[in-house]
Amino acid sequence: MNIRRAENKDIDAISDLLSQVLNVHYEGRPDLFKGGAVKYLPEELMDIIADDKRPIFVAELDEKVCGYAFCVFQQ
């Protein structure tokens, strides 16, 4: 497994994983979560990826993104 900083080429894979997480939440608590919603638009993910104060890291297995970590640097 390889952990690296996310790049714009990872946006589709990150969006897909975010949708999977949202669906799990929606199935468990449809009163709190909307089915089929989108957490971040591709343009928003591009902005986050470019922001050194909010890096996203991805985990790759066999060159396929299989996980992510959204981070925020604070002082």
Protein backbone atom coordinates (compact mmCIF):
# COMPACT_ATOMS: atom_id res chain seq x y z
CA MET A 1 0.00 0.00 0.00
CA ASN A 2 1.19 3.49 -0.87
CA ILE A 3 0.14 6.69 0.95
CA ARG A 4 0.63 9.94 -0.93
CA ARG A 5 -0.72 13.45 -1.28
CA ALA A 6 -3.85 13.57 -3.43
CA GLU A 7 -3.66 15.02 -6.93
CA ASN A 8 -6.36 16.29 -9.27
CA LYS A 9 -6.25 12.95 -11.10
CA ASP A 10 -7.67 11.37 -7.90
CA ILE A 11 -10.84 13.47 -7.78
CA ASP A 12 -13.09 10.84 -9.37
CA ALA A 13 -11.85 8.12 -7.02
CA ILE A 14 -12.18 10.35 -3.94
CA SER A 15 -15.71 11.37 -5.01
CA ASP A 16 -16.65 7.73 -5.46
CA LEU A 17 -15.38 6.83 -1.97
CA LEU A 18 -17.16 9.84 -0.44
CA SER A 19 -20.41 8.65 -2.06
CA GLN A 20 -19.94 5.17 -0.59
CA VAL A 21 -19.52 6.65 2.90
CA LEU A 22 -22.56 8.87 2.43
CA ASN A 23 -24.65 5.86 1.36
CA VAL A 24 -23.66 3.95 4.51
CA HIS A 25 -24.72 6.93 6.62
CA TYR A 26 -27.95 7.38 4.65
CA GLU A 27 -28.89 3.73 5.03
CA GLY A 28 -28.31 3.90 8.77
CA ARG A 29 -29.89 7.29 9.41
CA PRO A 30 -32.09 8.44 6.52
CA ASP A 31 -33.57 11.02 8.88
CA LEU A 32 -30.20 12.82 9.05
CA PHE A 33 -28.59 12.14 5.66
CA LYS A 34 -29.81 12.69 2.09
CA GLY A 35 -29.46 9.84 -0.37
CA GLY A 36 -27.63 10.69 -3.57
CA ALA A 37 -26.16 13.90 -2.14
CA VAL A 38 -22.65 15.07 -2.94
CA LYS A 39 -20.29 16.28 -0.21
CA TYR A 40 -17.87 18.15 -2.50
CA LEU A 41 -18.12 19.21 -6.12
CA PRO A 42 -15.06 18.43 -8.26
CA GLU A 43 -14.11 22.13 -8.25
CA GLU A 44 -14.22 22.17 -4.43
CA LEU A 45 -11.97 19.11 -4.27
CA MET A 46 -9.53 20.81 -6.64
CA ASP A 47 -9.38 23.81 -4.30
CA ILE A 48 -8.82 21.61 -1.25
CA ILE A 49 -6.12 19.58 -2.99
CA ALA A 50 -4.29 22.81 -3.88
CA ASP A 51 -4.51 24.16 -0.31
CA ASP A 52 -1.44 23.26 1.75
CA LYS A 53 -3.39 23.97 4.96
CA ARG A 54 -6.02 21.32 4.08
CA PRO A 55 -4.15 18.45 2.42
CA ILE A 56 -5.86 15.28 1.32
CA PHE A 57 -3.91 12.03 1.37
CA VAL A 58 -4.90 8.91 -0.54
CA ALA A 59 -4.07 5.27 0.01
CA GLU A 60 -3.32 3.25 -3.13
CA LEU A 61 -3.32 -0.48 -3.52
CA ASP A 62 -2.21 -1.82 -6.90
CA GLU A 63 -2.34 1.77 -8.22
CA LYS A 64 -6.04 2.09 -7.25
CA VAL A 65 -7.18 4.68 -4.71
CA CYS A 66 -8.83 2.74 -1.89
CA GLY A 67 -8.90 5.31 0.92
CA TYR A 68 -8.48 8.97 1.78
CA ALA A 69 -7.73 11.26 4.72
CA PHE A 70 -8.79 14.90 4.78
CA CYS A 71 -6.47 16.88 7.05
CA VAL A 72 -6.43 20.41 8.48
CA PHE A 73 -3.35 22.11 9.92
CA GLN A 74 -4.18 24.24 12.96
CA GLN A 75 -2.20 26.13 15.57
